[in-house]
Amino acid sequence: MNNKILILVSVLLPAIMLCSCGGEKKSDNKTVLTERIQYPVFIKSPYGDEGDWWKENMEGAKREKLVNWIFEMAYSGKIKAYDYDNKPLTVSEVKAIGNRRDTVRLTRPNPPYDEYDSVIVENFDRRDVHRITFLEEWYLDEKALTFEKKVVGLCPAITMYTDSSEVKGYKPMFWLYFDDKYPVKE
């Protein structure tokens, strides 16, 4: 019986010490590298499957899950959305982003060649979100030789194309912040 207790203690005690020490090291040795850094990341390459697919892509189902989560948070109002100038957006304003409605004047091809108006409606498709800009805080733990990044905000962007289907640029949609320090009031 004593041998069983001794074996149990000799196995559990080092495991408990290892777990508790690991947590203390990480929190005590963390150095702030930057309180705010922002950069864009492709989650789906607008250029197709050139080269290694993973370099500018997330796996399809995971990408879809992330994009859906972002829009569910913004559309439900669970996380407040802001425009690129950090002005608060209403849920209806967020839902309108990416949708386009234009009226164009056309001429009938047959006599008497009357002119008429035609409404062109373009609805936003979540599959057009190819890029996300992240706002992060970065930390370094010199003793554990680890980096830690905390996402404090993100901004999905849709790919814009020219009439000849070339990439024209990326249109930021809205910002979502996950930290009470943001958006920064200036």
C-alpha atoms as a PDB file:
ATOM      1  CA  MET A   1       0.000   0.000   0.000  1.00  0.00           C
ATOM      2  CA  ASN A   2       2.793   2.424   0.913  1.00  0.00           C
ATOM      3  CA  ASN A   3       4.556   1.628  -2.373  1.00  0.00           C
ATOM      4  CA  LYS A   4       1.412   2.557  -4.316  1.00  0.00           C
ATOM      5  CA  ILE A   5       1.138   5.899  -2.512  1.00  0.00           C
ATOM      6  CA  LEU A   6       4.853   6.553  -3.007  1.00  0.00           C
ATOM      7  CA  ILE A   7       4.563   5.791  -6.749  1.00  0.00           C
ATOM      8  CA  LEU A   8       1.462   7.993  -7.063  1.00  0.00           C
ATOM      9  CA  VAL A   9       3.135  10.915  -5.285  1.00  0.00           C
ATOM     10  CA  SER A  10       6.353  10.516  -7.294  1.00  0.00           C
ATOM     11  CA  VAL A  11       4.367  10.698 -10.548  1.00  0.00           C
ATOM     12  CA  LEU A  12       1.844  13.404  -9.642  1.00  0.00           C
ATOM     13  CA  LEU A  13       4.103  15.815  -7.723  1.00  0.00           C
ATOM     14  CA  PRO A  14       6.498  16.520 -10.628  1.00  0.00           C
ATOM     15  CA  ALA A  15       3.544  16.901 -13.013  1.00  0.00           C
ATOM     16  CA  ILE A  16       1.857  19.441 -10.722  1.00  0.00           C
ATOM     17  CA  MET A  17       5.115  21.359 -10.255  1.00  0.00           C
ATOM     18  CA  LEU A  18       5.777  21.394 -13.996  1.00  0.00           C
ATOM     19  CA  CYS A  19       2.315  22.750 -14.781  1.00  0.00           C
ATOM     20  CA  SER A  20       2.420  25.463 -12.131  1.00  0.00           C
ATOM     21  CA  CYS A  21       5.939  26.595 -12.995  1.00  0.00           C
ATOM     22  CA  GLY A  22       5.175  26.883 -16.699  1.00  0.00           C
ATOM     23  CA  GLY A  23       2.307  29.307 -16.068  1.00  0.00           C
ATOM     24  CA  GLU A  24       4.387  31.555 -13.769  1.00  0.00           C
ATOM     25  CA  LYS A  25       7.279  31.853 -16.199  1.00  0.00           C
ATOM     26  CA  LYS A  26       5.053  32.988 -19.033  1.00  0.00           C
ATOM     27  CA  SER A  27       3.347  35.773 -17.085  1.00  0.00           C
ATOM     28  CA  ASP A  28       6.441  37.005 -15.213  1.00  0.00           C
ATOM     29  CA  ASN A  29       8.782  37.243 -18.182  1.00  0.00           C
ATOM     30  CA  LYS A  30       6.485  38.770 -20.790  1.00  0.00           C
ATOM     31  CA  THR A  31       7.805  41.916 -22.466  1.00  0.00           C
ATOM     32  CA  VAL A  32       5.552  44.124 -24.572  1.00  0.00           C
ATOM     33  CA  LEU A  33       7.105  44.394 -28.039  1.00  0.00           C
ATOM     34  CA  THR A  34       4.363  46.608 -29.423  1.00  0.00           C
ATOM     35  CA  GLU A  35       1.023  47.754 -28.084  1.00  0.00           C
ATOM     36  CA  ARG A  36      -0.362  48.239 -31.565  1.00  0.00           C
ATOM     37  CA  ILE A  37       0.639  46.813 -34.922  1.00  0.00           C
ATOM     38  CA  GLN A  38      -1.592  46.509 -37.973  1.00  0.00           C
ATOM     39  CA  TYR A  39      -1.099  44.432 -41.100  1.00  0.00           C
ATOM     40  CA  PRO A  40      -3.173  42.709 -43.803  1.00  0.00           C
ATOM     41  CA  VAL A  41      -3.283  38.939 -44.244  1.00  0.00           C
ATOM     42  CA  PHE A  42      -4.705  37.070 -47.210  1.00  0.00           C
ATOM     43  CA  ILE A  43      -7.134  34.363 -46.178  1.00  0.00           C
ATOM     44  CA  LYS A  44      -7.916  33.511 -49.802  1.00  0.00           C
ATOM     45  CA  SER A  45      -5.623  34.372 -52.658  1.00  0.00           C
ATOM     46  CA  PRO A  46      -7.454  36.331 -55.354  1.00  0.00           C
ATOM     47  CA  TYR A  47      -4.850  35.038 -57.824  1.00  0.00           C
ATOM     48  CA  GLY A  48      -5.975  31.401 -57.844  1.00  0.00           C
ATOM     49  CA  ASP A  49      -3.933  28.349 -56.952  1.00  0.00           C
ATOM     50  CA  GLU A  50      -0.496  29.611 -57.928  1.00  0.00           C
ATOM     51  CA  GLY A  51       2.331  28.027 -55.943  1.00  0.00           C
ATOM     52  CA  ASP A  52       1.787  26.573 -52.480  1.00  0.00           C
ATOM     53  CA  TRP A  53      -1.932  26.929 -51.680  1.00  0.00           C
ATOM     54  CA  TRP A  54      -1.358  27.587 -47.965  1.00  0.00           C
ATOM     55  CA  LYS A  55       0.884  30.655 -48.373  1.00  0.00           C
ATOM     56  CA  GLU A  56      -1.976  33.051 -49.010  1.00  0.00           C
ATOM     57  CA  ASN A  57      -4.923  30.875 -48.081  1.00  0.00           C
ATOM     58  CA  MET A  58      -6.762  29.350 -45.186  1.00  0.00           C
ATOM     59  CA  GLU A  59      -8.348  25.959 -45.729  1.00  0.00           C
ATOM     60  CA  GLY A  60     -11.809  26.548 -47.234  1.00  0.00           C
ATOM     61  CA  ALA A  61     -14.076  25.327 -44.411  1.00  0.00           C
ATOM     62  CA  LYS A  62     -12.030  27.136 -41.749  1.00  0.00           C
ATOM     63  CA  ARG A  63     -11.952  30.336 -43.805  1.00  0.00           C
ATOM     64  CA  GLU A  64     -15.721  30.137 -44.280  1.00  0.00           C
ATOM     65  CA  LYS A  65     -16.238  29.572 -40.542  1.00  0.00           C
ATOM     66  CA  LEU A  66     -14.072  32.594 -39.643  1.00  0.00           C
ATOM     67  CA  VAL A  67     -15.742  34.904 -42.168  1.00  0.00           C
ATOM     68  CA  ASN A  68     -19.216  33.753 -41.108  1.00  0.00           C
ATOM     69  CA  TRP A  69     -18.341  34.341 -37.446  1.00  0.00           C
ATOM     70  CA  ILE A  70     -17.098  37.874 -38.208  1.00  0.00           C
ATOM     71  CA  PHE A  71     -20.324  38.767 -40.019  1.00  0.00           C
ATOM     72  CA  GLU A  72     -22.554  37.087 -37.427  1.00  0.00           C
ATOM     73  CA  MET A  73     -20.926  39.209 -34.710  1.00  0.00           C
ATOM     74  CA  ALA A  74     -21.292  42.407 -36.761  1.00  0.00           C
ATOM     75  CA  TYR A  75     -24.812  41.701 -38.087  1.00  0.00           C
ATOM     76  CA  SER A  76     -26.148  40.705 -34.664  1.00  0.00           C
ATOM     77  CA  GLY A  77     -24.588  43.707 -32.945  1.00  0.00           C
ATOM     78  CA  LYS A  78     -22.810  41.433 -30.423  1.00  0.00           C
ATOM     79  CA  ILE A  79     -19.617  43.281 -31.326  1.00  0.00           C
ATOM     80  CA  LYS A  80     -19.871  46.950 -32.288  1.00  0.00           C
ATOM     81  CA  ALA A  81     -18.656  47.661 -35.823  1.00  0.00           C
ATOM     82  CA  TYR A  82     -16.802  50.828 -36.836  1.00  0.00           C
ATOM     83  CA  ASP A  83     -15.970  52.380 -40.173  1.00  0.00           C
ATOM     84  CA  TYR A  84     -12.363  52.953 -41.254  1.00  0.00           C
ATOM     85  CA  ASP A  85     -12.369  56.324 -39.426  1.00  0.00           C
ATOM     86  CA  ASN A  86     -13.575  54.560 -36.246  1.00  0.00           C
ATOM     87  CA  LYS A  87     -17.068  56.035 -36.339  1.00  0.00           C
ATOM     88  CA  PRO A  88     -19.672  53.609 -34.966  1.00  0.00           C
ATOM     89  CA  LEU A  89     -21.865  51.871 -37.535  1.00  0.00           C
ATOM     90  CA  THR A  90     -25.417  50.665 -37.050  1.00  0.00           C
ATOM     91  CA  VAL A  91     -26.253  47.066 -37.889  1.00  0.00           C
ATOM     92  CA  SER A  92     -28.170  48.215 -40.985  1.00  0.00           C
ATOM     93  CA  GLU A  93     -25.153  50.247 -42.146  1.00  0.00           C
ATOM     94  CA  VAL A  94     -22.920  47.208 -41.734  1.00  0.00           C
ATOM     95  CA  LYS A  95     -25.379  45.047 -43.677  1.00  0.00           C
ATOM     96  CA  ALA A  96     -25.389  47.580 -46.528  1.00  0.00           C
ATOM     97  CA  ILE A  97     -21.592  47.479 -46.969  1.00  0.00           C
ATOM     98  CA  GLY A  98     -20.613  45.670 -50.148  1.00  0.00           C
ATOM     99  CA  ASN A  99     -24.065  45.943 -51.716  1.00  0.00           C
ATOM    100  CA  ARG A 100     -24.390  48.211 -54.714  1.00  0.00           C
ATOM    101  CA  ARG A 101     -27.348  49.574 -56.630  1.00  0.00           C
ATOM    102  CA  ASP A 102     -26.809  51.616 -59.790  1.00  0.00           C
ATOM    103  CA  THR A 103     -29.189  53.033 -62.340  1.00  0.00           C
ATOM    104  CA  VAL A 104     -27.892  53.128 -65.888  1.00  0.00           C
ATOM    105  CA  ARG A 105     -29.431  54.686 -68.988  1.00  0.00           C
ATOM    106  CA  LEU A 106     -29.651  52.290 -71.933  1.00  0.00           C
ATOM    107  CA  THR A 107     -30.892  52.588 -75.512  1.00  0.00           C
ATOM    108  CA  ARG A 108     -33.157  49.997 -77.082  1.00  0.00           C
ATOM    109  CA  PRO A 109     -31.432  48.183 -79.980  1.00  0.00           C
ATOM    110  CA  ASN A 110     -34.438  48.476 -82.322  1.00  0.00           C
ATOM    111  CA  PRO A 111     -36.220  51.558 -83.718  1.00  0.00           C
ATOM    112  CA  PRO A 112     -37.329  53.961 -82.429  1.00  0.00           C
ATOM    113  CA  TYR A 113     -34.230  53.498 -80.150  1.00  0.00           C
ATOM    114  CA  ASP A 114     -35.961  54.703 -77.019  1.00  0.00           C
ATOM    115  CA  GLU A 115     -33.885  55.238 -73.902  1.00  0.00           C
ATOM    116  CA  TYR A 116     -34.796  53.547 -70.664  1.00  0.00           C
ATOM    117  CA  ASP A 117     -33.380  53.193 -67.140  1.00  0.00           C
ATOM    118  CA  SER A 118     -32.180  49.876 -65.817  1.00  0.00           C
ATOM    119  CA  VAL A 119     -31.318  49.152 -62.197  1.00  0.00           C
ATOM    120  CA  ILE A 120     -28.244  47.002 -61.603  1.00  0.00           C
ATOM    121  CA  VAL A 121     -28.105  45.360 -58.185  1.00  0.00           C
ATOM    122  CA  GLU A 122     -24.908  43.806 -56.897  1.00  0.00           C
ATOM    123  CA  ASN A 123     -25.202  41.971 -53.582  1.00  0.00           C
ATOM    124  CA  PHE A 124     -22.274  41.323 -51.277  1.00  0.00           C
ATOM    125  CA  ASP A 125     -21.002  37.743 -51.243  1.00  0.00           C
ATOM    126  CA  ARG A 126     -18.940  36.644 -48.233  1.00  0.00           C
ATOM    127  CA  ARG A 127     -16.801  34.553 -50.580  1.00  0.00           C
ATOM    128  CA  ASP A 128     -15.357  37.861 -51.856  1.00  0.00           C
ATOM    129  CA  VAL A 129     -13.610  38.460 -48.504  1.00  0.00           C
ATOM    130  CA  HIS A 130     -10.033  37.587 -49.421  1.00  0.00           C
ATOM    131  CA  ARG A 131      -8.137  39.591 -46.852  1.00  0.00           C
ATOM    132  CA  ILE A 132      -8.328  40.561 -43.180  1.00  0.00           C
ATOM    133  CA  THR A 133      -6.366  43.380 -41.588  1.00  0.00           C
ATOM    134  CA  PHE A 134      -5.393  42.541 -38.022  1.00  0.00           C
ATOM    135  CA  LEU A 135      -4.679  44.950 -35.172  1.00  0.00           C
ATOM    136  CA  GLU A 136      -2.560  43.176 -32.562  1.00  0.00           C
ATOM    137  CA  GLU A 137      -0.444  43.488 -29.444  1.00  0.00           C
ATOM    138  CA  TRP A 138       2.824  41.515 -29.470  1.00  0.00           C
ATOM    139  CA  TYR A 139       4.653  40.067 -26.441  1.00  0.00           C
ATOM    140  CA  LEU A 140       7.984  38.280 -25.999  1.00  0.00           C
ATOM    141  CA  ASP A 141       8.891  35.830 -23.247  1.00  0.00           C
ATOM    142  CA  GLU A 142      12.702  35.825 -23.363  1.00  0.00           C
ATOM    143  CA  LYS A 143      13.157  32.934 -20.968  1.00  0.00           C
ATOM    144  CA  ALA A 144      10.645  30.613 -22.633  1.00  0.00           C
ATOM    145  CA  LEU A 145      11.712  31.850 -26.106  1.00  0.00           C
ATOM    146  CA  THR A 146       8.110  32.413 -27.137  1.00  0.00           C
ATOM    147  CA  PHE A 147       6.143  35.153 -28.863  1.00  0.00           C
ATOM    148  CA  GLU A 148       2.525  35.873 -28.090  1.00  0.00           C
ATOM    149  CA  LYS A 149       0.135  37.881 -30.217  1.00  0.00           C
ATOM    150  CA  LYS A 150      -3.187  39.198 -29.014  1.00  0.00           C
ATOM    151  CA  VAL A 151      -5.700  40.198 -31.679  1.00  0.00           C
ATOM    152  CA  VAL A 152      -7.437  43.373 -30.491  1.00  0.00           C
ATOM    153  CA  GLY A 153      -9.275  44.129 -33.726  1.00  0.00           C
ATOM    154  CA  LEU A 154      -9.826  43.040 -37.291  1.00  0.00           C
ATOM    155  CA  CYS A 155     -11.168  44.415 -40.538  1.00  0.00           C
ATOM    156  CA  PRO A 156     -12.383  42.175 -43.386  1.00  0.00           C
ATOM    157  CA  ALA A 157     -11.734  43.443 -46.912  1.00  0.00           C
ATOM    158  CA  ILE A 158     -13.247  42.504 -50.244  1.00  0.00           C
ATOM    159  CA  THR A 159     -11.259  42.256 -53.442  1.00  0.00           C
ATOM    160  CA  MET A 160     -12.139  44.871 -56.047  1.00  0.00           C
ATOM    161  CA  TYR A 161     -11.667  44.068 -59.739  1.00  0.00           C
ATOM    162  CA  THR A 162     -11.353  46.147 -62.900  1.00  0.00           C
ATOM    163  CA  ASP A 163     -13.751  45.638 -65.813  1.00  0.00           C
ATOM    164  CA  SER A 164     -11.176  43.247 -67.295  1.00  0.00           C
ATOM    165  CA  SER A 165     -11.174  41.125 -64.086  1.00  0.00           C
ATOM    166  CA  GLU A 166      -7.763  42.276 -62.835  1.00  0.00           C
ATOM    167  CA  VAL A 167      -7.317  42.926 -59.119  1.00  0.00           C
ATOM    168  CA  LYS A 168      -7.771  46.648 -58.547  1.00  0.00           C
ATOM    169  CA  GLY A 169      -7.373  46.658 -54.771  1.00  0.00           C
ATOM    170  CA  TYR A 170      -9.017  45.760 -51.482  1.00  0.00           C
ATOM    171  CA  LYS A 171     -11.941  47.597 -49.929  1.00  0.00           C
ATOM    172  CA  PRO A 172     -12.017  47.573 -46.121  1.00  0.00           C
ATOM    173  CA  MET A 173     -15.516  46.863 -44.835  1.00  0.00           C
ATOM    174  CA  PHE A 174     -15.615  47.580 -41.078  1.00  0.00           C
ATOM    175  CA  TRP A 175     -13.569  47.172 -37.913  1.00  0.00           C
ATOM    176  CA  LEU A 176     -14.466  44.912 -34.990  1.00  0.00           C
ATOM    177  CA  TYR A 177     -12.549  45.455 -31.741  1.00  0.00           C
ATOM    178  CA  PHE A 178     -12.113  42.877 -28.980  1.00  0.00           C
ATOM    179  CA  ASP A 179     -10.471  45.113 -26.384  1.00  0.00           C
ATOM    180  CA  ASP A 180     -12.003  48.014 -24.468  1.00  0.00           C
ATOM    181  CA  LYS A 181      -8.975  50.211 -25.326  1.00  0.00           C
ATOM    182  CA  TYR A 182     -10.166  50.355 -28.917  1.00  0.00           C
ATOM    183  CA  PRO A 183     -11.113  52.196 -30.939  1.00  0.00           C
ATOM    184  CA  VAL A 184      -8.561  54.753 -29.793  1.00  0.00           C
ATOM    185  CA  LYS A 185     -10.261  58.069 -29.012  1.00  0.00           C
ATOM    186  CA  GLU A 186      -8.229  60.970 -30.378  1.00  0.00           C
END
